[in-house]
Amino acid sequence: MEIQQNEDIRSRIRTIPDFPKPGILFRDITTLLLDPEGLRLTIEKMAAQVDGKIDLVAGVEARGFVFGAALAVRLGTGVLLIRKDGKLPGATIAEDYALEYGTDRIAIHADALVPGARVLLVDDLIATGGTARAAVRLLRKAGAEVVQASFVVDLPDLGGADALRSDGIQVASLVAFEGH
């Protein structure tokens, strides 16, 4: 799916240079979240991009929870939380993924979904795609059909959305920013 250039959303996202390290332009969505009209527009536009029936919205910790929960309400579905490993009580299934230095692990409850459930993966931003790709693997391991991934921001120069597409996932985002 094409990236739309929604100036009404883009203008509400603050750029902080040299965070978390020199040379990085951090795209800060907290200013968007603080703006009631901006948040409403974001959820409406993300919901409009959903293609077909969705059974669950899966939000990636932590900012994906905000957008995922709001989208689930708008779409009339439940919301599935994808957490860092060790944060969920009860039986879980997990997936490892590579970081710049080392690895991390995400998890969901083992009984979080019915096999065959059509799932929309949601997060605030797609960069290299490491976390999102791990989330797709995790959801598929649980028996989900991940039908689409939706992000507020895409950093296309880092290739994450293209990597998800190569995994067979339809990707939608509201705005794209050059660089990293």
N, C-alpha and C. Protein backbone atom coordinates (compact mmCIF):
# COMPACT_ATOMS: atom_id res chain seq x y z
N MET A 1 0.85 -1.18 0.00
CA MET A 1 0.00 0.00 0.00
C MET A 1 0.90 1.24 0.00
N GLU A 2 0.48 2.24 -0.68
CA GLU A 2 1.24 3.48 -0.79
C GLU A 2 1.26 4.24 0.54
N ILE A 3 2.35 4.93 0.77
CA ILE A 3 2.44 5.83 1.92
C ILE A 3 1.78 7.13 1.52
N GLN A 4 0.86 7.56 2.34
CA GLN A 4 0.22 8.85 2.09
C GLN A 4 1.04 9.93 2.81
N GLN A 5 1.01 11.12 2.28
CA GLN A 5 1.69 12.23 2.93
C GLN A 5 0.64 13.13 3.56
N ASN A 6 0.20 12.76 4.70
CA ASN A 6 -0.85 13.47 5.44
C ASN A 6 -0.23 14.62 6.23
N GLU A 7 -0.25 15.80 5.63
CA GLU A 7 0.37 16.96 6.28
C GLU A 7 -0.28 17.26 7.62
N ASP A 8 -1.57 16.98 7.76
CA ASP A 8 -2.26 17.23 9.03
C ASP A 8 -1.72 16.34 10.15
N ILE A 9 -1.19 15.19 9.82
CA ILE A 9 -0.55 14.31 10.79
C ILE A 9 0.93 14.68 10.92
N ARG A 10 1.61 14.80 9.80
CA ARG A 10 3.04 15.12 9.77
C ARG A 10 3.36 16.37 10.59
N SER A 11 2.53 17.41 10.46
CA SER A 11 2.80 18.68 11.14
C SER A 11 2.69 18.56 12.67
N ARG A 12 2.08 17.48 13.15
CA ARG A 12 1.92 17.29 14.59
C ARG A 12 2.99 16.37 15.18
N ILE A 13 3.95 15.93 14.35
CA ILE A 13 5.04 15.07 14.81
C ILE A 13 6.31 15.92 14.89
N ARG A 14 6.88 15.96 16.08
CA ARG A 14 8.06 16.78 16.33
C ARG A 14 9.33 15.98 15.98
N THR A 15 10.31 16.68 15.42
CA THR A 15 11.61 16.08 15.13
C THR A 15 12.62 16.60 16.14
N ILE A 16 13.31 15.67 16.80
CA ILE A 16 14.33 16.03 17.78
C ILE A 16 15.68 15.55 17.25
N PRO A 17 16.56 16.50 16.87
CA PRO A 17 17.86 16.09 16.32
C PRO A 17 18.78 15.51 17.40
N ASP A 18 19.64 14.60 16.96
CA ASP A 18 20.69 14.02 17.79
C ASP A 18 20.17 13.25 19.00
N PHE A 19 19.01 12.59 18.86
CA PHE A 19 18.49 11.74 19.92
C PHE A 19 18.13 10.39 19.33
N PRO A 20 18.52 9.30 19.87
CA PRO A 20 19.23 9.12 21.15
C PRO A 20 20.74 9.26 21.03
N LYS A 21 21.24 9.48 19.78
CA LYS A 21 22.67 9.70 19.62
C LYS A 21 22.89 10.67 18.46
N PRO A 22 24.07 11.26 18.36
CA PRO A 22 24.34 12.23 17.30
C PRO A 22 24.06 11.65 15.92
N GLY A 23 23.45 12.49 15.07
CA GLY A 23 23.14 12.11 13.71
C GLY A 23 21.75 11.53 13.50
N ILE A 24 21.07 11.20 14.59
CA ILE A 24 19.72 10.63 14.49
C ILE A 24 18.70 11.77 14.57
N LEU A 25 17.69 11.71 13.70
CA LEU A 25 16.55 12.63 13.77
C LEU A 25 15.38 11.83 14.35
N PHE A 26 15.10 12.02 15.62
CA PHE A 26 14.06 11.26 16.31
C PHE A 26 12.69 11.84 15.98
N ARG A 27 11.79 10.99 15.49
CA ARG A 27 10.42 11.42 15.15
C ARG A 27 9.54 11.15 16.36
N ASP A 28 9.20 12.21 17.07
CA ASP A 28 8.51 12.14 18.35
C ASP A 28 7.01 12.28 18.17
N ILE A 29 6.27 11.18 18.39
CA ILE A 29 4.82 11.20 18.22
C ILE A 29 4.08 11.66 19.48
N THR A 30 4.81 11.98 20.56
CA THR A 30 4.11 12.43 21.77
C THR A 30 3.36 13.73 21.53
N THR A 31 3.86 14.57 20.64
CA THR A 31 3.15 15.81 20.32
C THR A 31 1.85 15.52 19.57
N LEU A 32 1.84 14.49 18.76
CA LEU A 32 0.63 14.05 18.08
C LEU A 32 -0.38 13.50 19.09
N LEU A 33 0.10 12.71 20.04
CA LEU A 33 -0.78 12.13 21.06
C LEU A 33 -1.40 13.20 21.98
N LEU A 34 -0.69 14.28 22.20
CA LEU A 34 -1.19 15.35 23.05
C LEU A 34 -2.29 16.18 22.39
N ASP A 35 -2.40 16.08 21.09
CA ASP A 35 -3.35 16.87 20.31
C ASP A 35 -4.61 16.05 20.04
N PRO A 36 -5.74 16.36 20.70
CA PRO A 36 -6.93 15.52 20.51
C PRO A 36 -7.38 15.40 19.06
N GLU A 37 -7.33 16.47 18.31
CA GLU A 37 -7.72 16.42 16.91
C GLU A 37 -6.72 15.59 16.09
N GLY A 38 -5.44 15.75 16.39
CA GLY A 38 -4.43 14.96 15.69
C GLY A 38 -4.57 13.48 15.97
N LEU A 39 -4.84 13.12 17.22
CA LEU A 39 -5.03 11.71 17.57
C LEU A 39 -6.28 11.15 16.88
N ARG A 40 -7.37 11.91 16.90
CA ARG A 40 -8.61 11.47 16.24
C ARG A 40 -8.36 11.25 14.75
N LEU A 41 -7.72 12.23 14.09
CA LEU A 41 -7.42 12.09 12.66
C LEU A 41 -6.54 10.88 12.37
N THR A 42 -5.57 10.65 13.22
CA THR A 42 -4.66 9.52 13.04
C THR A 42 -5.42 8.20 13.07
N ILE A 43 -6.26 8.04 14.07
CA ILE A 43 -7.01 6.79 14.20
C ILE A 43 -7.99 6.63 13.05
N GLU A 44 -8.66 7.70 12.66
CA GLU A 44 -9.59 7.62 11.53
C GLU A 44 -8.86 7.22 10.25
N LYS A 45 -7.71 7.82 10.01
CA LYS A 45 -6.97 7.53 8.79
C LYS A 45 -6.36 6.13 8.81
N MET A 46 -5.90 5.68 9.96
CA MET A 46 -5.38 4.33 10.06
C MET A 46 -6.51 3.32 9.84
N ALA A 47 -7.68 3.58 10.41
CA ALA A 47 -8.82 2.69 10.23
C ALA A 47 -9.24 2.63 8.76
N ALA A 48 -9.19 3.76 8.07
CA ALA A 48 -9.58 3.81 6.66
C ALA A 48 -8.64 2.99 5.78
N GLN A 49 -7.42 2.76 6.22
CA GLN A 49 -6.45 1.99 5.44
C GLN A 49 -6.61 0.48 5.61
N VAL A 50 -7.41 0.06 6.58
CA VAL A 50 -7.57 -1.37 6.82
C VAL A 50 -8.30 -2.00 5.64
N ASP A 51 -7.72 -3.08 5.15
CA ASP A 51 -8.23 -3.74 3.96
C ASP A 51 -8.86 -5.08 4.35
N GLY A 52 -10.17 -5.13 4.41
CA GLY A 52 -10.86 -6.38 4.71
C GLY A 52 -11.17 -6.56 6.18
N LYS A 53 -11.69 -7.75 6.50
CA LYS A 53 -12.13 -8.06 7.87
C LYS A 53 -10.92 -8.35 8.76
N ILE A 54 -10.98 -7.79 9.96
CA ILE A 54 -9.94 -8.00 10.97
C ILE A 54 -10.61 -8.58 12.21
N ASP A 55 -10.00 -9.62 12.81
CA ASP A 55 -10.52 -10.20 14.05
C ASP A 55 -9.87 -9.58 15.28
N LEU A 56 -8.60 -9.25 15.19
CA LEU A 56 -7.85 -8.69 16.31
C LEU A 56 -6.87 -7.65 15.81
N VAL A 57 -6.62 -6.65 16.65
CA VAL A 57 -5.54 -5.71 16.41
C VAL A 57 -4.44 -6.04 17.41
N ALA A 58 -3.23 -6.26 16.91
CA ALA A 58 -2.08 -6.57 17.76
C ALA A 58 -1.20 -5.34 17.88
N GLY A 59 -1.08 -4.79 19.08
CA GLY A 59 -0.25 -3.61 19.32
C GLY A 59 1.08 -4.00 19.93
N VAL A 60 2.17 -3.43 19.40
CA VAL A 60 3.52 -3.71 19.88
C VAL A 60 3.87 -2.74 20.99
N GLU A 61 4.42 -3.27 22.08
CA GLU A 61 4.81 -2.46 23.24
C GLU A 61 5.77 -1.37 22.82
N ALA A 62 5.61 -0.18 23.25
CA ALA A 62 4.59 0.37 24.11
C ALA A 62 3.65 1.30 23.34
N ARG A 63 4.20 2.08 22.42
CA ARG A 63 3.35 3.04 21.72
C ARG A 63 2.34 2.36 20.79
N GLY A 64 2.63 1.16 20.37
CA GLY A 64 1.68 0.40 19.57
C GLY A 64 0.41 0.08 20.36
N PHE A 65 0.53 0.05 21.69
CA PHE A 65 -0.66 -0.18 22.53
C PHE A 65 -1.66 0.96 22.37
N VAL A 66 -1.15 2.18 22.31
CA VAL A 66 -2.02 3.36 22.21
C VAL A 66 -2.81 3.32 20.90
N PHE A 67 -2.09 3.19 19.80
CA PHE A 67 -2.76 3.17 18.50
C PHE A 67 -3.56 1.89 18.30
N GLY A 68 -3.03 0.77 18.77
CA GLY A 68 -3.72 -0.50 18.63
C GLY A 68 -5.05 -0.53 19.37
N ALA A 69 -5.06 -0.04 20.61
CA ALA A 69 -6.31 -0.04 21.38
C ALA A 69 -7.35 0.88 20.75
N ALA A 70 -6.92 2.06 20.34
CA ALA A 70 -7.87 2.99 19.71
C ALA A 70 -8.41 2.43 18.40
N LEU A 71 -7.55 1.79 17.61
CA LEU A 71 -8.00 1.18 16.36
C LEU A 71 -8.94 0.01 16.61
N ALA A 72 -8.66 -0.79 17.63
CA ALA A 72 -9.53 -1.92 17.96
C ALA A 72 -10.93 -1.43 18.31
N VAL A 73 -11.02 -0.36 19.08
CA VAL A 73 -12.33 0.20 19.41
C VAL A 73 -13.02 0.65 18.13
N ARG A 74 -12.31 1.36 17.30
CA ARG A 74 -12.88 1.90 16.05
C ARG A 74 -13.33 0.79 15.10
N LEU A 75 -12.56 -0.34 15.08
CA LEU A 75 -12.85 -1.43 14.17
C LEU A 75 -13.78 -2.50 14.77
N GLY A 76 -14.06 -2.36 16.06
CA GLY A 76 -14.95 -3.33 16.72
C GLY A 76 -14.29 -4.68 16.96
N THR A 77 -13.00 -4.67 17.28
CA THR A 77 -12.26 -5.91 17.54
C THR A 77 -11.65 -5.85 18.93
N GLY A 78 -11.04 -6.95 19.35
CA GLY A 78 -10.23 -6.95 20.55
C GLY A 78 -8.82 -6.49 20.22
N VAL A 79 -8.05 -6.26 21.27
CA VAL A 79 -6.66 -5.86 21.09
C VAL A 79 -5.76 -6.88 21.78
N LEU A 80 -4.74 -7.32 21.07
CA LEU A 80 -3.77 -8.29 21.57
C LEU A 80 -2.49 -7.53 21.87
N LEU A 81 -1.93 -7.72 23.06
CA LEU A 81 -0.72 -7.01 23.46
C LEU A 81 0.52 -7.85 23.18
N ILE A 82 1.43 -7.29 22.41
CA ILE A 82 2.72 -7.92 22.17
C ILE A 82 3.70 -7.22 23.10
N ARG A 83 4.18 -7.98 24.10
CA ARG A 83 4.99 -7.40 25.17
C ARG A 83 6.43 -7.88 25.10
N LYS A 84 7.28 -7.15 25.80
CA LYS A 84 8.64 -7.64 26.02
C LYS A 84 8.52 -8.88 26.90
N ASP A 85 9.39 -9.86 26.65
CA ASP A 85 9.32 -11.12 27.37
C ASP A 85 9.43 -10.89 28.88
N GLY A 86 8.66 -11.66 29.64
CA GLY A 86 8.70 -11.57 31.09
C GLY A 86 7.68 -10.61 31.68
N LYS A 87 6.90 -9.94 30.86
CA LYS A 87 5.92 -8.95 31.34
C LYS A 87 4.50 -9.51 31.44
N LEU A 88 4.26 -10.69 30.88
CA LEU A 88 2.91 -11.26 30.88
C LEU A 88 2.82 -12.40 31.89
N PRO A 89 1.73 -12.47 32.63
CA PRO A 89 1.54 -13.61 33.54
C PRO A 89 1.02 -14.81 32.74
N GLY A 90 1.17 -15.97 33.28
CA GLY A 90 0.62 -17.16 32.62
C GLY A 90 1.50 -17.65 31.50
N ALA A 91 0.98 -18.64 30.76
CA ALA A 91 1.73 -19.27 29.68
C ALA A 91 1.86 -18.33 28.49
N THR A 92 3.06 -18.25 27.95
CA THR A 92 3.32 -17.37 26.80
C THR A 92 4.06 -18.14 25.72
N ILE A 93 4.04 -17.56 24.53
CA ILE A 93 4.94 -17.98 23.47
C ILE A 93 5.75 -16.74 23.11
N ALA A 94 6.99 -16.96 22.68
CA ALA A 94 7.89 -15.83 22.47
C ALA A 94 8.69 -15.99 21.19
N GLU A 95 9.30 -14.89 20.79
CA GLU A 95 10.12 -14.85 19.58
C GLU A 95 11.30 -13.92 19.83
N ASP A 96 12.50 -14.38 19.48
CA ASP A 96 13.71 -13.57 19.59
C ASP A 96 13.91 -12.77 18.32
N TYR A 97 14.58 -11.64 18.46
CA TYR A 97 14.96 -10.85 17.29
C TYR A 97 16.24 -10.09 17.58
N ALA A 98 16.94 -9.73 16.51
CA ALA A 98 18.24 -9.08 16.63
C ALA A 98 18.09 -7.58 16.84
N LEU A 99 18.94 -7.06 17.70
CA LEU A 99 19.09 -5.61 17.90
C LEU A 99 20.45 -5.20 17.36
N GLU A 100 20.72 -3.90 17.40
CA GLU A 100 22.03 -3.43 16.93
C GLU A 100 23.16 -4.13 17.70
N TYR A 101 22.97 -4.28 19.02
CA TYR A 101 23.95 -4.96 19.86
C TYR A 101 23.22 -6.00 20.70
N GLY A 102 23.12 -7.23 20.20
CA GLY A 102 22.49 -8.30 20.97
C GLY A 102 21.13 -8.69 20.43
N THR A 103 20.31 -9.24 21.31
CA THR A 103 18.98 -9.70 20.93
C THR A 103 17.95 -9.25 21.97
N ASP A 104 16.70 -9.33 21.59
CA ASP A 104 15.59 -9.08 22.50
C ASP A 104 14.55 -10.14 22.22
N ARG A 105 13.49 -10.13 23.01
CA ARG A 105 12.47 -11.17 22.90
C ARG A 105 11.12 -10.55 23.20
N ILE A 106 10.12 -10.87 22.36
CA ILE A 106 8.75 -10.42 22.58
C ILE A 106 7.87 -11.64 22.80
N ALA A 107 6.72 -11.41 23.46
CA ALA A 107 5.85 -12.53 23.81
C ALA A 107 4.39 -12.12 23.76
N ILE A 108 3.54 -13.14 23.62
CA ILE A 108 2.09 -12.99 23.77
C ILE A 108 1.60 -14.14 24.63
N HIS A 109 0.41 -14.00 25.19
CA HIS A 109 -0.19 -15.12 25.90
C HIS A 109 -0.43 -16.27 24.93
N ALA A 110 -0.18 -17.48 25.38
CA ALA A 110 -0.34 -18.66 24.53
C ALA A 110 -1.78 -18.81 24.05
N ASP A 111 -2.73 -18.31 24.82
CA ASP A 111 -4.15 -18.43 24.45
C ASP A 111 -4.73 -17.11 23.95
N ALA A 112 -3.89 -16.24 23.43
CA ALA A 112 -4.32 -14.88 23.04
C ALA A 112 -5.20 -14.85 21.80
N LEU A 113 -5.13 -15.88 20.97
CA LEU A 113 -5.92 -15.83 19.75
C LEU A 113 -6.33 -17.23 19.32
N VAL A 114 -7.38 -17.26 18.54
CA VAL A 114 -7.86 -18.50 17.94
C VAL A 114 -7.09 -18.70 16.64
N PRO A 115 -6.55 -19.90 16.42
CA PRO A 115 -5.85 -20.13 15.15
C PRO A 115 -6.74 -19.75 13.96
N GLY A 116 -6.12 -19.08 13.00
CA GLY A 116 -6.84 -18.59 11.83
C GLY A 116 -7.35 -17.17 11.98
N ALA A 117 -7.21 -16.58 13.17
CA ALA A 117 -7.64 -15.19 13.39
C ALA A 117 -6.91 -14.27 12.42
N ARG A 118 -7.65 -13.34 11.86
CA ARG A 118 -7.09 -12.33 10.95
C ARG A 118 -6.63 -11.14 11.80
N VAL A 119 -5.34 -10.87 11.77
CA VAL A 119 -4.73 -9.90 12.69
C VAL A 119 -4.12 -8.73 11.92
N LEU A 120 -4.36 -7.53 12.46
CA LEU A 120 -3.73 -6.30 12.01
C LEU A 120 -2.64 -5.95 13.01
N LEU A 121 -1.40 -5.89 12.58
CA LEU A 121 -0.28 -5.51 13.44
C LEU A 121 -0.14 -3.99 13.42
N VAL A 122 -0.01 -3.37 14.60
CA VAL A 122 0.04 -1.90 14.69
C VAL A 122 1.20 -1.45 15.58
N ASP A 123 1.90 -0.43 15.11
CA ASP A 123 2.90 0.25 15.93
C ASP A 123 2.99 1.70 15.47
N ASP A 124 3.70 2.51 16.23
CA ASP A 124 3.78 3.93 15.88
C ASP A 124 4.71 4.17 14.71
N LEU A 125 5.79 3.36 14.59
CA LEU A 125 6.83 3.66 13.62
C LEU A 125 7.46 2.37 13.11
N ILE A 126 7.77 2.34 11.82
CA ILE A 126 8.53 1.24 11.23
C ILE A 126 9.86 1.80 10.75
N ALA A 127 10.95 1.22 11.25
CA ALA A 127 12.30 1.65 10.86
C ALA A 127 12.97 0.48 10.14
N THR A 128 13.80 -0.29 10.84
CA THR A 128 14.47 -1.43 10.21
C THR A 128 13.54 -2.63 10.10
N GLY A 129 12.48 -2.66 10.87
CA GLY A 129 11.51 -3.74 10.80
C GLY A 129 11.81 -4.93 11.68
N GLY A 130 12.87 -4.88 12.47
CA GLY A 130 13.24 -6.03 13.31
C GLY A 130 12.13 -6.45 14.27
N THR A 131 11.58 -5.51 15.00
CA THR A 131 10.52 -5.83 15.96
C THR A 131 9.25 -6.26 15.23
N ALA A 132 8.88 -5.54 14.18
CA ALA A 132 7.66 -5.87 13.45
C ALA A 132 7.76 -7.26 12.81
N ARG A 133 8.89 -7.59 12.25
CA ARG A 133 9.05 -8.91 11.63
C ARG A 133 9.00 -10.01 12.68
N ALA A 134 9.59 -9.75 13.85
CA ALA A 134 9.51 -10.72 14.94
C ALA A 134 8.07 -10.88 15.40
N ALA A 135 7.32 -9.79 15.44
CA ALA A 135 5.91 -9.85 15.84
C ALA A 135 5.11 -10.68 14.84
N VAL A 136 5.39 -10.53 13.55
CA VAL A 136 4.71 -11.33 12.53
C VAL A 136 5.03 -12.80 12.73
N ARG A 137 6.31 -13.13 12.95
CA ARG A 137 6.69 -14.54 13.18
C ARG A 137 5.99 -15.10 14.41
N LEU A 138 5.92 -14.29 15.47
CA LEU A 138 5.27 -14.71 16.71
C LEU A 138 3.78 -14.96 16.49
N LEU A 139 3.12 -14.04 15.83
CA LEU A 139 1.69 -14.19 15.56
C LEU A 139 1.42 -15.40 14.68
N ARG A 140 2.24 -15.61 13.68
CA ARG A 140 2.08 -16.78 12.81
C ARG A 140 2.33 -18.07 13.60
N LYS A 141 3.32 -18.05 14.49
CA LYS A 141 3.59 -19.22 15.33
C LYS A 141 2.35 -19.58 16.17
N ALA A 142 1.60 -18.55 16.57
CA ALA A 142 0.38 -18.76 17.36
C ALA A 142 -0.81 -19.16 16.49
N GLY A 143 -0.63 -19.17 15.18
CA GLY A 143 -1.70 -19.58 14.27
C GLY A 143 -2.47 -18.45 13.63
N ALA A 144 -2.03 -17.22 13.82
CA ALA A 144 -2.73 -16.06 13.23
C ALA A 144 -2.42 -15.93 11.75
N GLU A 145 -3.34 -15.30 11.06
CA GLU A 145 -3.10 -14.85 9.69
C GLU A 145 -2.88 -13.34 9.80
N VAL A 146 -1.63 -12.92 9.67
CA VAL A 146 -1.32 -11.49 9.75
C VAL A 146 -1.61 -10.90 8.38
N VAL A 147 -2.69 -10.13 8.30
CA VAL A 147 -3.16 -9.66 7.00
C VAL A 147 -2.63 -8.29 6.62
N GLN A 148 -2.20 -7.52 7.63
CA GLN A 148 -1.73 -6.18 7.33
C GLN A 148 -0.95 -5.65 8.53
N ALA A 149 -0.05 -4.72 8.26
CA ALA A 149 0.65 -3.98 9.31
C ALA A 149 0.41 -2.50 9.06
N SER A 150 0.15 -1.76 10.13
CA SER A 150 -0.17 -0.34 10.01
C SER A 150 0.70 0.47 10.97
N PHE A 151 1.25 1.56 10.45
CA PHE A 151 2.15 2.41 11.22
C PHE A 151 1.77 3.87 10.99
N VAL A 152 2.01 4.69 11.98
CA VAL A 152 1.83 6.13 11.78
C VAL A 152 2.96 6.64 10.91
N VAL A 153 4.20 6.27 11.25
CA VAL A 153 5.40 6.79 10.59
C VAL A 153 6.19 5.65 9.95
N ASP A 154 6.65 5.88 8.73
CA ASP A 154 7.58 4.98 8.06
C ASP A 154 8.88 5.74 7.82
N LEU A 155 10.00 5.09 8.11
CA LEU A 155 11.32 5.60 7.74
C LEU A 155 11.83 4.70 6.60
N PRO A 156 11.39 4.97 5.36
CA PRO A 156 11.65 4.04 4.25
C PRO A 156 13.12 3.81 3.97
N ASP A 157 13.99 4.77 4.28
CA ASP A 157 15.42 4.59 4.02
C ASP A 157 16.00 3.43 4.83
N LEU A 158 15.33 3.02 5.91
CA LEU A 158 15.81 1.93 6.75
C LEU A 158 15.27 0.57 6.33
N GLY A 159 14.30 0.54 5.41
CA GLY A 159 13.89 -0.70 4.77
C GLY A 159 12.94 -1.61 5.50
N GLY A 160 12.42 -1.22 6.63
CA GLY A 160 11.55 -2.11 7.40
C GLY A 160 10.25 -2.46 6.71
N ALA A 161 9.59 -1.47 6.10
CA ALA A 161 8.33 -1.74 5.41
C ALA A 161 8.55 -2.68 4.23
N ASP A 162 9.64 -2.48 3.51
CA ASP A 162 9.94 -3.37 2.39
C ASP A 162 10.23 -4.79 2.88
N ALA A 163 10.90 -4.92 4.03
CA ALA A 163 11.18 -6.24 4.59
C ALA A 163 9.87 -6.94 4.97
N LEU A 164 8.93 -6.21 5.55
CA LEU A 164 7.62 -6.79 5.87
C LEU A 164 6.90 -7.21 4.61
N ARG A 165 6.96 -6.39 3.58
CA ARG A 165 6.32 -6.75 2.31
C ARG A 165 6.93 -8.04 1.75
N SER A 166 8.25 -8.20 1.90
CA SER A 166 8.89 -9.42 1.41
C SER A 166 8.46 -10.64 2.22
N ASP A 167 7.93 -10.41 3.43
CA ASP A 167 7.36 -11.48 4.26
C ASP A 167 5.89 -11.73 3.95
N GLY A 168 5.37 -11.04 2.91
CA GLY A 168 3.99 -11.24 2.50
C GLY A 168 2.98 -10.41 3.26
N ILE A 169 3.42 -9.34 3.90
CA ILE A 169 2.53 -8.49 4.69
C ILE A 169 2.21 -7.22 3.91
N GLN A 170 0.95 -6.88 3.84
CA GLN A 170 0.53 -5.60 3.28
C GLN A 170 0.84 -4.53 4.32
N VAL A 171 1.53 -3.46 3.93
CA VAL A 171 1.98 -2.42 4.87
C VAL A 171 1.33 -1.09 4.52
N ALA A 172 0.82 -0.41 5.55
CA ALA A 172 0.26 0.93 5.38
C ALA A 172 0.87 1.85 6.43
N SER A 173 1.09 3.09 6.05
CA SER A 173 1.54 4.12 7.01
C SER A 173 0.94 5.45 6.59
N LEU A 174 0.96 6.40 7.52
CA LEU A 174 0.36 7.70 7.23
C LEU A 174 1.35 8.72 6.71
N VAL A 175 2.57 8.69 7.23
CA VAL A 175 3.60 9.64 6.80
C VAL A 175 4.94 8.93 6.69
N ALA A 176 5.81 9.47 5.86
CA ALA A 176 7.17 8.96 5.73
C ALA A 176 8.13 10.12 5.93
N PHE A 177 9.24 9.81 6.58
CA PHE A 177 10.31 10.79 6.78
C PHE A 177 11.59 10.20 6.21
N GLU A 178 12.35 11.02 5.50
CA GLU A 178 13.65 10.59 5.00
C GLU A 178 14.62 10.44 6.16
N GLY A 179 15.66 9.65 5.91
CA GLY A 179 16.72 9.51 6.90
C GLY A 179 16.39 8.47 7.94
N HIS A 180 17.07 8.63 9.08
CA HIS A 180 16.91 7.67 10.17
C HIS A 180 16.84 8.37 11.51
